[in-house]
Amino acid sequence: KGYTLYGSIPPMASQEEWLELNASNFEIRGETALALWKEL
């Protein structure tokens, strides 16, 4: 479902690219946490 492990963000040419991908990972992790919490 697109969950990524910390430290798996590849090197980026710019800080903007890095932040954009990190924000996406943050959203996925948040959605994952909420789904698992509701399930359990």
PDB file of all heavy atoms in Angstrom:
ATOM      1  N   LYS A   1       0.816  -1.214   0.000  1.00  0.00           N
ATOM      2  CA  LYS A   1       0.000   0.000   0.000  1.00  0.00           C
ATOM      3  C   LYS A   1       0.856   1.274   0.000  1.00  0.00           C
ATOM      4  O   LYS A   1       0.346   2.367   0.226  1.00  0.00           O
ATOM      5  CB  LYS A   1      -0.931   0.001   1.213  1.00  0.00           C
ATOM      6  CG  LYS A   1      -2.000  -1.085   1.150  1.00  0.00           C
ATOM      7  CD  LYS A   1      -2.991  -0.955   2.297  1.00  0.00           C
ATOM      8  CE  LYS A   1      -4.108  -1.994   2.170  1.00  0.00           C
ATOM      9  NZ  LYS A   1      -5.107  -1.864   3.247  1.00  0.00           N
ATOM     10  N   GLY A   2       2.166   1.106  -0.249  1.00  0.00           N
ATOM     11  CA  GLY A   2       3.030   2.274  -0.371  1.00  0.00           C
ATOM     12  C   GLY A   2       3.721   2.690   0.903  1.00  0.00           C
ATOM     13  O   GLY A   2       4.371   3.744   0.938  1.00  0.00           O
ATOM     14  N   TYR A   3       3.606   1.880   1.964  1.00  0.00           N
ATOM     15  CA  TYR A   3       4.278   2.208   3.219  1.00  0.00           C
ATOM     16  C   TYR A   3       5.788   2.129   3.026  1.00  0.00           C
ATOM     17  O   TYR A   3       6.295   1.188   2.420  1.00  0.00           O
ATOM     18  CB  TYR A   3       3.837   1.242   4.310  1.00  0.00           C
ATOM     19  CG  TYR A   3       4.336   1.587   5.694  1.00  0.00           C
ATOM     20  CD1 TYR A   3       3.591   2.411   6.531  1.00  0.00           C
ATOM     21  CD2 TYR A   3       5.548   1.092   6.167  1.00  0.00           C
ATOM     22  CE1 TYR A   3       4.036   2.733   7.798  1.00  0.00           C
ATOM     23  CE2 TYR A   3       6.001   1.414   7.434  1.00  0.00           C
ATOM     24  CZ  TYR A   3       5.248   2.228   8.248  1.00  0.00           C
ATOM     25  OH  TYR A   3       5.703   2.546   9.503  1.00  0.00           O
ATOM     26  N   THR A   4       6.507   3.109   3.530  1.00  0.00           N
ATOM     27  CA  THR A   4       7.968   3.132   3.390  1.00  0.00           C
ATOM     28  C   THR A   4       8.620   3.121   4.764  1.00  0.00           C
ATOM     29  O   THR A   4       8.036   3.578   5.754  1.00  0.00           O
ATOM     30  CB  THR A   4       8.441   4.383   2.629  1.00  0.00           C
ATOM     31  OG1 THR A   4       7.991   5.551   3.328  1.00  0.00           O
ATOM     32  CG2 THR A   4       7.902   4.393   1.213  1.00  0.00           C
ATOM     33  N   LEU A   5       9.829   2.596   4.813  1.00  0.00           N
ATOM     34  CA  LEU A   5      10.587   2.562   6.051  1.00  0.00           C
ATOM     35  C   LEU A   5      11.429   3.817   6.165  1.00  0.00           C
ATOM     36  O   LEU A   5      11.863   4.393   5.162  1.00  0.00           O
ATOM     37  CB  LEU A   5      11.487   1.327   6.081  1.00  0.00           C
ATOM     38  CG  LEU A   5      10.759  -0.017   6.002  1.00  0.00           C
ATOM     39  CD1 LEU A   5      11.778  -1.148   5.883  1.00  0.00           C
ATOM     40  CD2 LEU A   5       9.870  -0.218   7.206  1.00  0.00           C
ATOM     41  N   TYR A   6      11.671   4.254   7.381  1.00  0.00           N
ATOM     42  CA  TYR A   6      12.511   5.429   7.586  1.00  0.00           C
ATOM     43  C   TYR A   6      13.919   5.144   7.075  1.00  0.00           C
ATOM     44  O   TYR A   6      14.430   4.038   7.184  1.00  0.00           O
ATOM     45  CB  TYR A   6      12.548   5.795   9.066  1.00  0.00           C
ATOM     46  CG  TYR A   6      11.249   6.376   9.543  1.00  0.00           C
ATOM     47  CD1 TYR A   6      10.338   5.606  10.254  1.00  0.00           C
ATOM     48  CD2 TYR A   6      10.915   7.691   9.265  1.00  0.00           C
ATOM     49  CE1 TYR A   6       9.134   6.135  10.689  1.00  0.00           C
ATOM     50  CE2 TYR A   6       9.711   8.229   9.682  1.00  0.00           C
ATOM     51  CZ  TYR A   6       8.826   7.449  10.404  1.00  0.00           C
ATOM     52  OH  TYR A   6       7.635   7.974  10.819  1.00  0.00           O
ATOM     53  N   GLY A   7      14.527   6.162   6.513  1.00  0.00           N
ATOM     54  CA  GLY A   7      15.851   5.999   5.945  1.00  0.00           C
ATOM     55  C   GLY A   7      15.825   5.536   4.498  1.00  0.00           C
ATOM     56  O   GLY A   7      16.862   5.393   3.873  1.00  0.00           O
ATOM     57  N   SER A   8      14.614   5.322   3.945  1.00  0.00           N
ATOM     58  CA  SER A   8      14.524   4.812   2.582  1.00  0.00           C
ATOM     59  C   SER A   8      14.320   5.916   1.551  1.00  0.00           C
ATOM     60  O   SER A   8      14.177   5.643   0.372  1.00  0.00           O
ATOM     61  CB  SER A   8      13.372   3.803   2.482  1.00  0.00           C
ATOM     62  OG  SER A   8      12.128   4.413   2.803  1.00  0.00           O
ATOM     63  N   ILE A   9      14.279   7.180   1.986  1.00  0.00           N
ATOM     64  CA  ILE A   9      14.142   8.281   1.041  1.00  0.00           C
ATOM     65  C   ILE A   9      15.452   8.460   0.289  1.00  0.00           C
ATOM     66  O   ILE A   9      16.503   8.662   0.907  1.00  0.00           O
ATOM     67  CB  ILE A   9      13.758   9.591   1.750  1.00  0.00           C
ATOM     68  CG1 ILE A   9      12.387   9.449   2.417  1.00  0.00           C
ATOM     69  CG2 ILE A   9      13.761  10.756   0.783  1.00  0.00           C
ATOM     70  CD1 ILE A   9      11.925  10.701   3.124  1.00  0.00           C
ATOM     71  N   PRO A  10      15.449   8.374  -1.036  1.00  0.00           N
ATOM     72  CA  PRO A  10      16.697   8.482  -1.798  1.00  0.00           C
ATOM     73  C   PRO A  10      17.211   9.914  -1.820  1.00  0.00           C
ATOM     74  O   PRO A  10      16.473  10.853  -1.520  1.00  0.00           O
ATOM     75  CB  PRO A  10      16.267   8.033  -3.204  1.00  0.00           C
ATOM     76  CG  PRO A  10      14.812   8.400  -3.282  1.00  0.00           C
ATOM     77  CD  PRO A  10      14.266   8.181  -1.899  1.00  0.00           C
ATOM     78  N   PRO A  11      18.483  10.109  -2.169  1.00  0.00           N
ATOM     79  CA  PRO A  11      19.019  11.467  -2.285  1.00  0.00           C
ATOM     80  C   PRO A  11      18.237  12.280  -3.319  1.00  0.00           C
ATOM     81  O   PRO A  11      17.843  11.759  -4.363  1.00  0.00           O
ATOM     82  CB  PRO A  11      20.463  11.235  -2.736  1.00  0.00           C
ATOM     83  CG  PRO A  11      20.779   9.835  -2.315  1.00  0.00           C
ATOM     84  CD  PRO A  11      19.489   9.076  -2.436  1.00  0.00           C
ATOM     85  N   MET A  12      18.008  13.531  -3.014  1.00  0.00           N
ATOM     86  CA  MET A  12      17.233  14.406  -3.887  1.00  0.00           C
ATOM     87  C   MET A  12      18.094  15.586  -4.334  1.00  0.00           C
ATOM     88  O   MET A  12      19.034  15.987  -3.653  1.00  0.00           O
ATOM     89  CB  MET A  12      15.996  14.925  -3.160  1.00  0.00           C
ATOM     90  CG  MET A  12      15.012  13.847  -2.770  1.00  0.00           C
ATOM     91  SD  MET A  12      14.112  13.212  -4.200  1.00  0.00           S
ATOM     92  CE  MET A  12      13.173  11.897  -3.432  1.00  0.00           C
ATOM     93  N   ALA A  13      17.715  16.137  -5.496  1.00  0.00           N
ATOM     94  CA  ALA A  13      18.464  17.275  -6.026  1.00  0.00           C
ATOM     95  C   ALA A  13      18.158  18.547  -5.251  1.00  0.00           C
ATOM     96  O   ALA A  13      18.986  19.451  -5.170  1.00  0.00           O
ATOM     97  CB  ALA A  13      18.129  17.469  -7.500  1.00  0.00           C
ATOM     98  N   SER A  14      16.970  18.636  -4.663  1.00  0.00           N
ATOM     99  CA  SER A  14      16.582  19.861  -3.976  1.00  0.00           C
ATOM    100  C   SER A  14      15.835  19.534  -2.696  1.00  0.00           C
ATOM    101  O   SER A  14      15.284  18.442  -2.525  1.00  0.00           O
ATOM    102  CB  SER A  14      15.684  20.722  -4.879  1.00  0.00           C
ATOM    103  OG  SER A  14      14.431  20.083  -5.076  1.00  0.00           O
ATOM    104  N   GLN A  15      15.810  20.500  -1.812  1.00  0.00           N
ATOM    105  CA  GLN A  15      15.091  20.327  -0.550  1.00  0.00           C
ATOM    106  C   GLN A  15      13.592  20.226  -0.805  1.00  0.00           C
ATOM    107  O   GLN A  15      12.883  19.514  -0.095  1.00  0.00           O
ATOM    108  CB  GLN A  15      15.389  21.490   0.383  1.00  0.00           C
ATOM    109  CG  GLN A  15      14.807  21.299   1.783  1.00  0.00           C
ATOM    110  CD  GLN A  15      15.205  22.400   2.738  1.00  0.00           C
ATOM    111  OE1 GLN A  15      15.552  23.491   2.311  1.00  0.00           O
ATOM    112  NE2 GLN A  15      15.150  22.125   4.028  1.00  0.00           N
ATOM    113  N   GLU A  16      13.105  20.925  -1.835  1.00  0.00           N
ATOM    114  CA  GLU A  16      11.682  20.887  -2.143  1.00  0.00           C
ATOM    115  C   GLU A  16      11.238  19.479  -2.512  1.00  0.00           C
ATOM    116  O   GLU A  16      10.175  19.017  -2.081  1.00  0.00           O
ATOM    117  CB  GLU A  16      11.364  21.857  -3.287  1.00  0.00           C
ATOM    118  CG  GLU A  16      11.439  23.335  -2.913  1.00  0.00           C
ATOM    119  CD  GLU A  16      12.868  23.815  -2.712  1.00  0.00           C
ATOM    120  OE1 GLU A  16      13.811  23.167  -3.252  1.00  0.00           O
ATOM    121  OE2 GLU A  16      13.056  24.833  -2.027  1.00  0.00           O
ATOM    122  N   GLU A  17      12.051  18.782  -3.329  1.00  0.00           N
ATOM    123  CA  GLU A  17      11.716  17.407  -3.700  1.00  0.00           C
ATOM    124  C   GLU A  17      11.718  16.501  -2.477  1.00  0.00           C
ATOM    125  O   GLU A  17      10.840  15.647  -2.307  1.00  0.00           O
ATOM    126  CB  GLU A  17      12.727  16.888  -4.733  1.00  0.00           C
ATOM    127  CG  GLU A  17      12.632  17.544  -6.094  1.00  0.00           C
ATOM    128  CD  GLU A  17      13.704  17.021  -7.036  1.00  0.00           C
ATOM    129  OE1 GLU A  17      14.878  16.956  -6.634  1.00  0.00           O
ATOM    130  OE2 GLU A  17      13.347  16.661  -8.171  1.00  0.00           O
ATOM    131  N   TRP A  18      12.701  16.686  -1.631  1.00  0.00           N
ATOM    132  CA  TRP A  18      12.828  15.881  -0.416  1.00  0.00           C
ATOM    133  C   TRP A  18      11.593  16.075   0.472  1.00  0.00           C
ATOM    134  O   TRP A  18      10.996  15.117   0.966  1.00  0.00           O
ATOM    135  CB  TRP A  18      14.098  16.301   0.319  1.00  0.00           C
ATOM    136  CG  TRP A  18      14.412  15.514   1.557  1.00  0.00           C
ATOM    137  CD1 TRP A  18      13.775  15.603   2.762  1.00  0.00           C
ATOM    138  CD2 TRP A  18      15.439  14.530   1.713  1.00  0.00           C
ATOM    139  NE1 TRP A  18      14.341  14.750   3.661  1.00  0.00           N
ATOM    140  CE2 TRP A  18      15.364  14.078   3.057  1.00  0.00           C
ATOM    141  CE3 TRP A  18      16.417  14.012   0.873  1.00  0.00           C
ATOM    142  CZ2 TRP A  18      16.238  13.119   3.558  1.00  0.00           C
ATOM    143  CZ3 TRP A  18      17.284  13.061   1.383  1.00  0.00           C
ATOM    144  CH2 TRP A  18      17.192  12.621   2.704  1.00  0.00           C
ATOM    145  N   LEU A  19      11.214  17.324   0.697  1.00  0.00           N
ATOM    146  CA  LEU A  19      10.089  17.625   1.568  1.00  0.00           C
ATOM    147  C   LEU A  19       8.782  17.090   0.994  1.00  0.00           C
ATOM    148  O   LEU A  19       7.913  16.618   1.726  1.00  0.00           O
ATOM    149  CB  LEU A  19       9.994  19.135   1.804  1.00  0.00           C
ATOM    150  CG  LEU A  19      11.111  19.750   2.640  1.00  0.00           C
ATOM    151  CD1 LEU A  19      10.986  21.269   2.655  1.00  0.00           C
ATOM    152  CD2 LEU A  19      11.088  19.201   4.054  1.00  0.00           C
ATOM    153  N   GLU A  20       8.643  17.174  -0.325  1.00  0.00           N
ATOM    154  CA  GLU A  20       7.412  16.689  -0.959  1.00  0.00           C
ATOM    155  C   GLU A  20       7.249  15.183  -0.759  1.00  0.00           C
ATOM    156  O   GLU A  20       6.163  14.701  -0.405  1.00  0.00           O
ATOM    157  CB  GLU A  20       7.430  17.026  -2.450  1.00  0.00           C
ATOM    158  CG  GLU A  20       6.159  16.620  -3.175  1.00  0.00           C
ATOM    159  CD  GLU A  20       6.168  17.017  -4.643  1.00  0.00           C
ATOM    160  OE1 GLU A  20       7.081  17.764  -5.053  1.00  0.00           O
ATOM    161  OE2 GLU A  20       5.262  16.572  -5.383  1.00  0.00           O
ATOM    162  N   LEU A  21       8.337  14.429  -0.971  1.00  0.00           N
ATOM    163  CA  LEU A  21       8.266  12.984  -0.797  1.00  0.00           C
ATOM    164  C   LEU A  21       8.081  12.629   0.669  1.00  0.00           C
ATOM    165  O   LEU A  21       7.310  11.719   1.013  1.00  0.00           O
ATOM    166  CB  LEU A  21       9.539  12.332  -1.337  1.00  0.00           C
ATOM    167  CG  LEU A  21       9.609  10.798  -1.227  1.00  0.00           C
ATOM    168  CD1 LEU A  21       8.413  10.154  -1.918  1.00  0.00           C
ATOM    169  CD2 LEU A  21      10.913  10.271  -1.816  1.00  0.00           C
ATOM    170  N   ASN A  22       8.750  13.354   1.553  1.00  0.00           N
ATOM    171  CA  ASN A  22       8.620  13.072   2.978  1.00  0.00           C
ATOM    172  C   ASN A  22       7.201  13.351   3.469  1.00  0.00           C
ATOM    173  O   ASN A  22       6.658  12.618   4.291  1.00  0.00           O
ATOM    174  CB  ASN A  22       9.617  13.904   3.772  1.00  0.00           C
ATOM    175  CG  ASN A  22       9.839  13.362   5.157  1.00  0.00           C
ATOM    176  OD1 ASN A  22      10.547  12.381   5.341  1.00  0.00           O
ATOM    177  ND2 ASN A  22       9.226  13.987   6.142  1.00  0.00           N
ATOM    178  N   ALA A  23       6.581  14.419   2.946  1.00  0.00           N
ATOM    179  CA  ALA A  23       5.208  14.738   3.319  1.00  0.00           C
ATOM    180  C   ALA A  23       4.258  13.636   2.860  1.00  0.00           C
ATOM    181  O   ALA A  23       3.307  13.280   3.566  1.00  0.00           O
ATOM    182  CB  ALA A  23       4.804  16.078   2.722  1.00  0.00           C
ATOM    183  N   SER A  24       4.518  13.087   1.667  1.00  0.00           N
ATOM    184  CA  SER A  24       3.700  11.986   1.167  1.00  0.00           C
ATOM    185  C   SER A  24       3.844  10.760   2.061  1.00  0.00           C
ATOM    186  O   SER A  24       2.854  10.096   2.403  1.00  0.00           O
ATOM    187  CB  SER A  24       4.112  11.645  -0.271  1.00  0.00           C
ATOM    188  OG  SER A  24       3.427  10.497  -0.733  1.00  0.00           O
ATOM    189  N   ASN A  25       5.085  10.460   2.473  1.00  0.00           N
ATOM    190  CA  ASN A  25       5.311   9.323   3.364  1.00  0.00           C
ATOM    191  C   ASN A  25       4.620   9.532   4.706  1.00  0.00           C
ATOM    192  O   ASN A  25       4.057   8.594   5.289  1.00  0.00           O
ATOM    193  CB  ASN A  25       6.809   9.121   3.582  1.00  0.00           C
ATOM    194  CG  ASN A  25       7.514   8.615   2.340  1.00  0.00           C
ATOM    195  OD1 ASN A  25       6.890   8.063   1.442  1.00  0.00           O
ATOM    196  ND2 ASN A  25       8.821   8.818   2.271  1.00  0.00           N
ATOM    197  N   PHE A  26       4.656  10.769   5.209  1.00  0.00           N
ATOM    198  CA  PHE A  26       4.011  11.097   6.474  1.00  0.00           C
ATOM    199  C   PHE A  26       2.505  10.833   6.390  1.00  0.00           C
ATOM    200  O   PHE A  26       1.902  10.265   7.307  1.00  0.00           O
ATOM    201  CB  PHE A  26       4.279  12.556   6.820  1.00  0.00           C
ATOM    202  CG  PHE A  26       3.622  13.020   8.083  1.00  0.00           C
ATOM    203  CD1 PHE A  26       4.175  12.711   9.319  1.00  0.00           C
ATOM    204  CD2 PHE A  26       2.466  13.767   8.047  1.00  0.00           C
ATOM    205  CE1 PHE A  26       3.570  13.143  10.491  1.00  0.00           C
ATOM    206  CE2 PHE A  26       1.855  14.200   9.213  1.00  0.00           C
ATOM    207  CZ  PHE A  26       2.408  13.892  10.442  1.00  0.00           C
ATOM    208  N   GLU A  27       1.906  11.221   5.270  1.00  0.00           N
ATOM    209  CA  GLU A  27       0.468  11.020   5.088  1.00  0.00           C
ATOM    210  C   GLU A  27       0.135   9.533   5.026  1.00  0.00           C
ATOM    211  O   GLU A  27      -0.851   9.077   5.627  1.00  0.00           O
ATOM    212  CB  GLU A  27       0.009  11.721   3.811  1.00  0.00           C
ATOM    213  CG  GLU A  27      -1.492  11.655   3.591  1.00  0.00           C
ATOM    214  CD  GLU A  27      -1.936  12.481   2.400  1.00  0.00           C
ATOM    215  OE1 GLU A  27      -1.107  13.218   1.834  1.00  0.00           O
ATOM    216  OE2 GLU A  27      -3.119  12.391   2.027  1.00  0.00           O
ATOM    217  N   ILE A  28       0.950   8.767   4.305  1.00  0.00           N
ATOM    218  CA  ILE A  28       0.712   7.326   4.200  1.00  0.00           C
ATOM    219  C   ILE A  28       0.828   6.664   5.566  1.00  0.00           C
ATOM    220  O   ILE A  28       0.008   5.805   5.934  1.00  0.00           O
ATOM    221  CB  ILE A  28       1.692   6.685   3.201  1.00  0.00           C
ATOM    222  CG1 ILE A  28       1.367   7.147   1.776  1.00  0.00           C
ATOM    223  CG2 ILE A  28       1.642   5.158   3.281  1.00  0.00           C
ATOM    224  CD1 ILE A  28       2.377   6.709   0.737  1.00  0.00           C
ATOM    225  N   ARG A  29       1.838   7.050   6.353  1.00  0.00           N
ATOM    226  CA  ARG A  29       2.004   6.466   7.670  1.00  0.00           C
ATOM    227  C   ARG A  29       0.839   6.819   8.589  1.00  0.00           C
ATOM    228  O   ARG A  29       0.391   6.004   9.398  1.00  0.00           O
ATOM    229  CB  ARG A  29       3.336   6.904   8.282  1.00  0.00           C
ATOM    230  CG  ARG A  29       4.490   5.989   7.885  1.00  0.00           C
ATOM    231  CD  ARG A  29       5.751   6.323   8.652  1.00  0.00           C
ATOM    232  NE  ARG A  29       6.521   7.365   8.001  1.00  0.00           N
ATOM    233  CZ  ARG A  29       7.425   7.146   7.052  1.00  0.00           C
ATOM    234  NH1 ARG A  29       7.655   5.928   6.645  1.00  0.00           N
ATOM    235  NH2 ARG A  29       8.098   8.139   6.519  1.00  0.00           N
ATOM    236  N   GLY A  30       0.357   8.053   8.474  1.00  0.00           N
ATOM    237  CA  GLY A  30      -0.792   8.457   9.280  1.00  0.00           C
ATOM    238  C   GLY A  30      -2.038   7.670   8.924  1.00  0.00           C
ATOM    239  O   GLY A  30      -2.779   7.208   9.807  1.00  0.00           O
ATOM    240  N   GLU A  31      -2.278   7.503   7.627  1.00  0.00           N
ATOM    241  CA  GLU A  31      -3.437   6.723   7.186  1.00  0.00           C
ATOM    242  C   GLU A  31      -3.309   5.265   7.623  1.00  0.00           C
ATOM    243  O   GLU A  31      -4.295   4.622   8.008  1.00  0.00           O
ATOM    244  CB  GLU A  31      -3.570   6.817   5.663  1.00  0.00           C
ATOM    245  CG  GLU A  31      -3.939   8.215   5.160  1.00  0.00           C
ATOM    246  CD  GLU A  31      -3.867   8.315   3.642  1.00  0.00           C
ATOM    247  OE1 GLU A  31      -3.345   7.360   3.014  1.00  0.00           O
ATOM    248  OE2 GLU A  31      -4.330   9.331   3.099  1.00  0.00           O
ATOM    249  N   THR A  32      -2.085   4.740   7.564  1.00  0.00           N
ATOM    250  CA  THR A  32      -1.839   3.363   7.985  1.00  0.00           C
ATOM    251  C   THR A  32      -2.130   3.192   9.463  1.00  0.00           C
ATOM    252  O   THR A  32      -2.790   2.228   9.876  1.00  0.00           O
ATOM    253  CB  THR A  32      -0.377   2.972   7.696  1.00  0.00           C
ATOM    254  OG1 THR A  32      -0.127   3.075   6.298  1.00  0.00           O
ATOM    255  CG2 THR A  32      -0.098   1.548   8.152  1.00  0.00           C
ATOM    256  N   ALA A  33      -1.648   4.127  10.272  1.00  0.00           N
ATOM    257  CA  ALA A  33      -1.867   4.055  11.716  1.00  0.00           C
ATOM    258  C   ALA A  33      -3.351   4.088  12.052  1.00  0.00           C
ATOM    259  O   ALA A  33      -3.834   3.311  12.883  1.00  0.00           O
ATOM    260  CB  ALA A  33      -1.136   5.204  12.410  1.00  0.00           C
ATOM    261  N   LEU A  34      -4.086   4.973  11.397  1.00  0.00           N
ATOM    262  CA  LEU A  34      -5.517   5.096  11.676  1.00  0.00           C
ATOM    263  C   LEU A  34      -6.268   3.833  11.269  1.00  0.00           C
ATOM    264  O   LEU A  34      -7.135   3.343  12.005  1.00  0.00           O
ATOM    265  CB  LEU A  34      -6.092   6.314  10.951  1.00  0.00           C
ATOM    266  CG  LEU A  34      -7.579   6.614  11.196  1.00  0.00           C
ATOM    267  CD1 LEU A  34      -7.845   6.822  12.678  1.00  0.00           C
ATOM    268  CD2 LEU A  34      -8.022   7.828  10.378  1.00  0.00           C
ATOM    269  N   ALA A  35      -5.914   3.283  10.094  1.00  0.00           N
ATOM    270  CA  ALA A  35      -6.590   2.065   9.622  1.00  0.00           C
ATOM    271  C   ALA A  35      -6.325   0.887  10.558  1.00  0.00           C
ATOM    272  O   ALA A  35      -7.245   0.121  10.894  1.00  0.00           O
ATOM    273  CB  ALA A  35      -6.130   1.730   8.204  1.00  0.00           C
ATOM    274  N   LEU A  36      -5.070   0.737  11.010  1.00  0.00           N
ATOM    275  CA  LEU A  36      -4.741  -0.372  11.908  1.00  0.00           C
ATOM    276  C   LEU A  36      -5.392  -0.180  13.269  1.00  0.00           C
ATOM    277  O   LEU A  36      -5.827  -1.147  13.910  1.00  0.00           O
ATOM    278  CB  LEU A  36      -3.232  -0.493  12.048  1.00  0.00           C
ATOM    279  CG  LEU A  36      -2.474  -0.925  10.792  1.00  0.00           C
ATOM    280  CD1 LEU A  36      -0.968  -0.921  11.041  1.00  0.00           C
ATOM    281  CD2 LEU A  36      -2.923  -2.307  10.322  1.00  0.00           C
ATOM    282  N   TRP A  37      -5.470   1.059  13.738  1.00  0.00           N
ATOM    283  CA  TRP A  37      -6.118   1.332  15.016  1.00  0.00           C
ATOM    284  C   TRP A  37      -7.600   0.962  14.964  1.00  0.00           C
ATOM    285  O   TRP A  37      -8.126   0.339  15.886  1.00  0.00           O
ATOM    286  CB  TRP A  37      -5.948   2.803  15.388  1.00  0.00           C
ATOM    287  CG  TRP A  37      -6.473   3.134  16.753  1.00  0.00           C
ATOM    288  CD1 TRP A  37      -5.791   3.078  17.933  1.00  0.00           C
ATOM    289  CD2 TRP A  37      -7.808   3.568  17.077  1.00  0.00           C
ATOM    290  NE1 TRP A  37      -6.614   3.446  18.982  1.00  0.00           N
ATOM    291  CE2 TRP A  37      -7.851   3.746  18.483  1.00  0.00           C
ATOM    292  CE3 TRP A  37      -8.955   3.822  16.324  1.00  0.00           C
ATOM    293  CZ2 TRP A  37      -9.007   4.175  19.149  1.00  0.00           C
ATOM    294  CZ3 TRP A  37     -10.107   4.231  16.987  1.00  0.00           C
ATOM    295  CH2 TRP A  37     -10.131   4.409  18.374  1.00  0.00           C
ATOM    296  N   LYS A  38      -8.267   1.350  13.885  1.00  0.00           N
ATOM    297  CA  LYS A  38      -9.687   1.016  13.745  1.00  0.00           C
ATOM    298  C   LYS A  38      -9.887  -0.490  13.655  1.00  0.00           C
ATOM    299  O   LYS A  38     -10.868  -1.033  14.176  1.00  0.00           O
ATOM    300  CB  LYS A  38     -10.261   1.699  12.504  1.00  0.00           C
ATOM    301  CG  LYS A  38     -10.402   3.217  12.630  1.00  0.00           C
ATOM    302  CD  LYS A  38     -10.981   3.811  11.366  1.00  0.00           C
ATOM    303  CE  LYS A  38     -11.189   5.321  11.491  1.00  0.00           C
ATOM    304  NZ  LYS A  38     -11.733   5.919  10.243  1.00  0.00           N
ATOM    305  N   GLU A  39      -8.956  -1.159  13.001  1.00  0.00           N
ATOM    306  CA  GLU A  39      -9.052  -2.599  12.825  1.00  0.00           C
ATOM    307  C   GLU A  39      -8.870  -3.345  14.148  1.00  0.00           C
ATOM    308  O   GLU A  39      -9.595  -4.310  14.434  1.00  0.00           O
ATOM    309  CB  GLU A  39      -7.984  -3.046  11.829  1.00  0.00           C
ATOM    310  CG  GLU A  39      -7.932  -4.528  11.546  1.00  0.00           C
ATOM    311  CD  GLU A  39      -6.823  -4.859  10.569  1.00  0.00           C
ATOM    312  OE1 GLU A  39      -6.700  -4.165   9.532  1.00  0.00           O
ATOM    313  OE2 GLU A  39      -6.070  -5.821  10.830  1.00  0.00           O
ATOM    314  N   LEU A  40      -7.947  -2.878  14.982  1.00  0.00           N
ATOM    315  CA  LEU A  40      -7.611  -3.591  16.213  1.00  0.00           C
ATOM    316  C   LEU A  40      -8.407  -3.110  17.417  1.00  0.00           C
ATOM    317  O   LEU A  40      -8.742  -3.909  18.285  1.00  0.00           O
ATOM    318  CB  LEU A  40      -6.114  -3.439  16.497  1.00  0.00           C
ATOM    319  CG  LEU A  40      -5.561  -4.143  17.733  1.00  0.00           C
ATOM    320  CD1 LEU A  40      -5.709  -5.659  17.595  1.00  0.00           C
ATOM    321  CD2 LEU A  40      -4.093  -3.786  17.958  1.00  0.00           C
TER     322      LEU A  40
END
